[in-house]
Amino acid sequence: MEICKNKGSGYWDLTGALDIEAAEELRAALLKCFSEPGEIVINLAGVDHCDANGLQLLAAGQRTALALGRAFRLQQHSPAVTGLAQALGFQIGTVLTQGGK
């Protein structure tokens, strides 16, 4: 997986596999996001593979942002992310929700 900072603080483009092998790299990137001010926006357009671990990290990032009162947005979801989210019962928009909540 490749993680590129884009458009200033808090904007990140993810490309490649969002899976268990990339989990530590993504976790470190999310921690870096939370150490900087501003909105956190994760662009998922370039993700060509996603497993439950990758989706779990995005959900954890979302929960952390909520707890810290920070804006956290997912955008341009790839078919790999959308397909897995739907298969696991999540709806994906700018945030992940389970069971249509």
N, C-alpha and C. Protein backbone atom coordinates (compact mmCIF):
# COMPACT_ATOMS: atom_id res chain seq x y z
N MET A 1 0.84 -1.17 0.00
CA MET A 1 0.00 0.00 0.00
C MET A 1 0.89 1.23 0.00
N GLU A 2 0.39 2.25 -0.67
CA GLU A 2 1.07 3.53 -0.68
C GLU A 2 0.14 4.56 -0.04
N ILE A 3 0.71 5.37 0.84
CA ILE A 3 -0.05 6.42 1.51
C ILE A 3 0.63 7.73 1.19
N CYS A 4 -0.09 8.62 0.51
CA CYS A 4 0.48 9.90 0.10
C CYS A 4 -0.33 11.04 0.69
N LYS A 5 0.39 11.95 1.35
CA LYS A 5 -0.26 13.16 1.85
C LYS A 5 -0.56 14.05 0.67
N ASN A 6 -1.73 14.67 0.70
CA ASN A 6 -2.22 15.41 -0.45
C ASN A 6 -2.96 16.67 0.02
N LYS A 7 -2.86 17.73 -0.70
CA LYS A 7 -3.66 18.93 -0.48
C LYS A 7 -3.53 19.52 0.92
N GLY A 8 -2.43 19.37 1.55
CA GLY A 8 -2.27 19.96 2.88
C GLY A 8 -2.59 18.99 3.99
N SER A 9 -2.60 19.48 5.18
CA SER A 9 -2.77 18.68 6.38
C SER A 9 -4.07 17.90 6.38
N GLY A 10 -3.96 16.62 6.65
CA GLY A 10 -5.14 15.79 6.84
C GLY A 10 -5.72 15.14 5.61
N TYR A 11 -5.22 15.43 4.43
CA TYR A 11 -5.72 14.81 3.20
C TYR A 11 -4.76 13.71 2.76
N TRP A 12 -5.28 12.49 2.67
CA TRP A 12 -4.43 11.34 2.37
C TRP A 12 -5.04 10.52 1.24
N ASP A 13 -4.20 10.09 0.30
CA ASP A 13 -4.61 9.18 -0.77
C ASP A 13 -4.05 7.80 -0.46
N LEU A 14 -4.89 6.79 -0.44
CA LEU A 14 -4.45 5.41 -0.25
C LEU A 14 -4.50 4.70 -1.59
N THR A 15 -3.45 3.96 -1.93
CA THR A 15 -3.44 3.17 -3.15
C THR A 15 -2.89 1.79 -2.84
N GLY A 16 -3.34 0.81 -3.61
CA GLY A 16 -2.87 -0.56 -3.43
C GLY A 16 -3.77 -1.34 -2.49
N ALA A 17 -3.18 -2.26 -1.76
CA ALA A 17 -3.93 -3.17 -0.89
C ALA A 17 -4.10 -2.59 0.51
N LEU A 18 -5.33 -2.53 0.94
CA LEU A 18 -5.68 -2.10 2.30
C LEU A 18 -6.03 -3.37 3.06
N ASP A 19 -4.97 -4.03 3.58
CA ASP A 19 -5.16 -5.36 4.17
C ASP A 19 -4.27 -5.52 5.39
N ILE A 20 -4.23 -6.73 5.92
CA ILE A 20 -3.47 -6.99 7.14
C ILE A 20 -1.99 -6.67 6.98
N GLU A 21 -1.46 -6.88 5.78
CA GLU A 21 -0.04 -6.59 5.56
C GLU A 21 0.25 -5.09 5.61
N ALA A 22 -0.73 -4.27 5.32
CA ALA A 22 -0.55 -2.82 5.34
C ALA A 22 -1.07 -2.19 6.63
N ALA A 23 -1.58 -3.01 7.54
CA ALA A 23 -2.25 -2.49 8.74
C ALA A 23 -1.36 -1.57 9.57
N GLU A 24 -0.14 -1.95 9.82
CA GLU A 24 0.74 -1.14 10.66
C GLU A 24 1.06 0.19 10.00
N GLU A 25 1.29 0.17 8.70
CA GLU A 25 1.57 1.39 7.95
C GLU A 25 0.36 2.34 8.00
N LEU A 26 -0.83 1.80 7.83
CA LEU A 26 -2.03 2.62 7.88
C LEU A 26 -2.26 3.15 9.30
N ARG A 27 -2.05 2.31 10.28
CA ARG A 27 -2.21 2.75 11.67
C ARG A 27 -1.29 3.92 11.98
N ALA A 28 -0.03 3.83 11.56
CA ALA A 28 0.93 4.91 11.77
C ALA A 28 0.49 6.19 11.05
N ALA A 29 -0.03 6.04 9.84
CA ALA A 29 -0.51 7.21 9.08
C ALA A 29 -1.70 7.86 9.77
N LEU A 30 -2.62 7.05 10.29
CA LEU A 30 -3.77 7.60 11.00
C LEU A 30 -3.33 8.33 12.27
N LEU A 31 -2.37 7.77 12.99
CA LEU A 31 -1.85 8.44 14.19
C LEU A 31 -1.23 9.79 13.82
N LYS A 32 -0.53 9.81 12.70
CA LYS A 32 0.05 11.08 12.23
C LYS A 32 -1.05 12.08 11.91
N CYS A 33 -2.13 11.62 11.29
CA CYS A 33 -3.27 12.49 11.00
C CYS A 33 -3.80 13.13 12.27
N PHE A 34 -3.93 12.34 13.32
CA PHE A 34 -4.49 12.85 14.56
C PHE A 34 -3.54 13.78 15.30
N SER A 35 -2.25 13.74 14.96
CA SER A 35 -1.29 14.64 15.60
C SER A 35 -1.24 16.00 14.92
N GLU A 36 -1.90 16.15 13.78
CA GLU A 36 -1.93 17.40 13.03
C GLU A 36 -3.32 18.01 13.11
N PRO A 37 -3.41 19.33 13.05
CA PRO A 37 -4.73 19.97 13.13
C PRO A 37 -5.52 19.82 11.84
N GLY A 38 -6.81 20.01 11.95
CA GLY A 38 -7.66 20.06 10.76
C GLY A 38 -8.42 18.77 10.51
N GLU A 39 -9.22 18.85 9.47
CA GLU A 39 -10.05 17.73 9.04
C GLU A 39 -9.18 16.60 8.50
N ILE A 40 -9.63 15.37 8.70
CA ILE A 40 -8.94 14.19 8.16
C ILE A 40 -9.80 13.64 7.03
N VAL A 41 -9.22 13.59 5.84
CA VAL A 41 -9.93 13.09 4.66
C VAL A 41 -9.09 11.97 4.05
N ILE A 42 -9.70 10.80 3.90
CA ILE A 42 -9.02 9.63 3.35
C ILE A 42 -9.64 9.32 1.99
N ASN A 43 -8.85 9.42 0.94
CA ASN A 43 -9.28 9.12 -0.43
C ASN A 43 -8.99 7.65 -0.71
N LEU A 44 -10.03 6.89 -1.00
CA LEU A 44 -9.91 5.44 -1.19
C LEU A 44 -9.98 5.02 -2.65
N ALA A 45 -9.93 5.96 -3.57
CA ALA A 45 -10.09 5.65 -5.00
C ALA A 45 -9.05 4.66 -5.51
N GLY A 46 -7.84 4.70 -5.00
CA GLY A 46 -6.77 3.85 -5.50
C GLY A 46 -6.61 2.52 -4.80
N VAL A 47 -7.52 2.18 -3.89
CA VAL A 47 -7.44 0.90 -3.17
C VAL A 47 -7.96 -0.21 -4.08
N ASP A 48 -7.08 -1.16 -4.42
CA ASP A 48 -7.48 -2.23 -5.33
C ASP A 48 -7.80 -3.54 -4.62
N HIS A 49 -7.52 -3.62 -3.33
CA HIS A 49 -7.87 -4.79 -2.52
C HIS A 49 -8.08 -4.32 -1.10
N CYS A 50 -9.11 -4.85 -0.45
CA CYS A 50 -9.39 -4.49 0.94
C CYS A 50 -9.86 -5.73 1.69
N ASP A 51 -9.33 -5.93 2.89
CA ASP A 51 -9.83 -7.02 3.73
C ASP A 51 -10.44 -6.43 5.00
N ALA A 52 -10.97 -7.28 5.84
CA ALA A 52 -11.66 -6.82 7.05
C ALA A 52 -10.73 -6.03 7.96
N ASN A 53 -9.43 -6.35 7.97
CA ASN A 53 -8.49 -5.61 8.81
C ASN A 53 -8.37 -4.15 8.36
N GLY A 54 -8.31 -3.94 7.06
CA GLY A 54 -8.24 -2.58 6.54
C GLY A 54 -9.50 -1.79 6.86
N LEU A 55 -10.64 -2.42 6.69
CA LEU A 55 -11.91 -1.77 7.00
C LEU A 55 -12.01 -1.47 8.49
N GLN A 56 -11.52 -2.40 9.31
CA GLN A 56 -11.53 -2.21 10.76
C GLN A 56 -10.68 -1.00 11.16
N LEU A 57 -9.54 -0.81 10.51
CA LEU A 57 -8.70 0.35 10.82
C LEU A 57 -9.39 1.66 10.45
N LEU A 58 -10.09 1.67 9.33
CA LEU A 58 -10.83 2.88 8.96
C LEU A 58 -11.93 3.17 9.98
N ALA A 59 -12.61 2.12 10.42
CA ALA A 59 -13.66 2.30 11.43
C ALA A 59 -13.06 2.78 12.75
N ALA A 60 -11.90 2.25 13.13
CA ALA A 60 -11.23 2.68 14.36
C ALA A 60 -10.80 4.14 14.25
N GLY A 61 -10.31 4.53 13.08
CA GLY A 61 -9.95 5.93 12.87
C GLY A 61 -11.16 6.84 13.01
N GLN A 62 -12.26 6.40 12.48
CA GLN A 62 -13.51 7.16 12.58
C GLN A 62 -13.93 7.31 14.04
N ARG A 63 -13.86 6.22 14.81
CA ARG A 63 -14.24 6.27 16.23
C ARG A 63 -13.31 7.19 17.00
N THR A 64 -12.01 7.12 16.72
CA THR A 64 -11.04 7.98 17.38
C THR A 64 -11.32 9.45 17.09
N ALA A 65 -11.60 9.75 15.83
CA ALA A 65 -11.92 11.13 15.45
C ALA A 65 -13.15 11.63 16.20
N LEU A 66 -14.16 10.79 16.28
CA LEU A 66 -15.38 11.16 16.99
C LEU A 66 -15.08 11.46 18.47
N ALA A 67 -14.28 10.60 19.09
CA ALA A 67 -13.92 10.79 20.50
C ALA A 67 -13.12 12.07 20.71
N LEU A 68 -12.33 12.46 19.71
CA LEU A 68 -11.51 13.66 19.82
C LEU A 68 -12.21 14.91 19.30
N GLY A 69 -13.43 14.74 18.80
CA GLY A 69 -14.16 15.86 18.24
C GLY A 69 -13.58 16.35 16.92
N ARG A 70 -12.98 15.45 16.16
CA ARG A 70 -12.34 15.80 14.89
C ARG A 70 -13.20 15.33 13.72
N ALA A 71 -13.13 16.07 12.62
CA ALA A 71 -13.82 15.67 11.39
C ALA A 71 -13.02 14.58 10.70
N PHE A 72 -13.69 13.53 10.27
CA PHE A 72 -13.05 12.39 9.60
C PHE A 72 -13.96 11.97 8.46
N ARG A 73 -13.42 12.00 7.25
CA ARG A 73 -14.24 11.72 6.07
C ARG A 73 -13.54 10.73 5.16
N LEU A 74 -14.32 9.81 4.62
CA LEU A 74 -13.85 8.89 3.58
C LEU A 74 -14.42 9.37 2.27
N GLN A 75 -13.63 9.32 1.20
CA GLN A 75 -14.13 9.78 -0.09
C GLN A 75 -13.62 8.91 -1.22
N GLN A 76 -14.31 8.96 -2.34
CA GLN A 76 -13.96 8.26 -3.58
C GLN A 76 -13.64 6.78 -3.33
N HIS A 77 -14.62 6.08 -2.79
CA HIS A 77 -14.45 4.67 -2.43
C HIS A 77 -14.25 3.82 -3.68
N SER A 78 -13.26 2.95 -3.63
CA SER A 78 -13.05 2.02 -4.74
C SER A 78 -14.05 0.87 -4.65
N PRO A 79 -14.26 0.16 -5.75
CA PRO A 79 -15.14 -1.01 -5.71
C PRO A 79 -14.68 -2.06 -4.69
N ALA A 80 -13.37 -2.18 -4.47
CA ALA A 80 -12.86 -3.15 -3.50
C ALA A 80 -13.33 -2.81 -2.09
N VAL A 81 -13.29 -1.54 -1.73
CA VAL A 81 -13.72 -1.11 -0.39
C VAL A 81 -15.23 -1.20 -0.27
N THR A 82 -15.94 -0.70 -1.26
CA THR A 82 -17.40 -0.71 -1.23
C THR A 82 -17.96 -2.13 -1.18
N GLY A 83 -17.39 -3.01 -1.99
CA GLY A 83 -17.85 -4.39 -2.03
C GLY A 83 -17.69 -5.10 -0.70
N LEU A 84 -16.52 -4.94 -0.08
CA LEU A 84 -16.29 -5.58 1.22
C LEU A 84 -17.19 -4.97 2.29
N ALA A 85 -17.30 -3.66 2.30
CA ALA A 85 -18.14 -3.00 3.30
C ALA A 85 -19.57 -3.52 3.22
N GLN A 86 -20.10 -3.61 2.01
CA GLN A 86 -21.46 -4.11 1.83
C GLN A 86 -21.58 -5.58 2.23
N ALA A 87 -20.57 -6.39 1.89
CA ALA A 87 -20.60 -7.81 2.25
C ALA A 87 -20.60 -8.02 3.76
N LEU A 88 -19.98 -7.09 4.49
CA LEU A 88 -19.91 -7.20 5.94
C LEU A 88 -21.04 -6.46 6.65
N GLY A 89 -21.96 -5.91 5.88
CA GLY A 89 -23.12 -5.25 6.46
C GLY A 89 -22.92 -3.79 6.80
N PHE A 90 -21.91 -3.17 6.23
CA PHE A 90 -21.67 -1.75 6.44
C PHE A 90 -22.17 -0.96 5.25
N GLN A 91 -22.59 0.24 5.52
CA GLN A 91 -22.86 1.19 4.45
C GLN A 91 -21.71 2.17 4.47
N ILE A 92 -21.22 2.49 3.30
CA ILE A 92 -20.07 3.38 3.24
C ILE A 92 -20.46 4.65 2.50
N GLY A 93 -20.19 5.74 3.13
CA GLY A 93 -20.41 7.06 2.56
C GLY A 93 -19.20 7.88 2.96
N THR A 94 -19.42 9.01 3.59
CA THR A 94 -18.28 9.76 4.12
C THR A 94 -17.81 9.13 5.42
N VAL A 95 -18.66 8.25 6.01
CA VAL A 95 -18.30 7.48 7.20
C VAL A 95 -18.80 6.05 7.01
N LEU A 96 -18.36 5.14 7.85
CA LEU A 96 -18.86 3.76 7.83
C LEU A 96 -19.98 3.62 8.85
N THR A 97 -21.06 3.00 8.45
CA THR A 97 -22.13 2.70 9.39
C THR A 97 -22.51 1.23 9.24
N GLN A 98 -22.89 0.62 10.33
CA GLN A 98 -23.24 -0.80 10.28
C GLN A 98 -24.74 -0.95 10.20
N GLY A 99 -25.18 -1.83 9.31
CA GLY A 99 -26.58 -2.17 9.20
C GLY A 99 -27.49 -1.01 8.85
N GLY A 100 -26.96 -0.03 8.11
CA GLY A 100 -27.79 1.09 7.67
C GLY A 100 -28.10 2.10 8.74
N LYS A 101 -27.40 2.06 9.87
CA LYS A 101 -27.66 3.01 10.97
C LYS A 101 -27.12 4.37 10.65
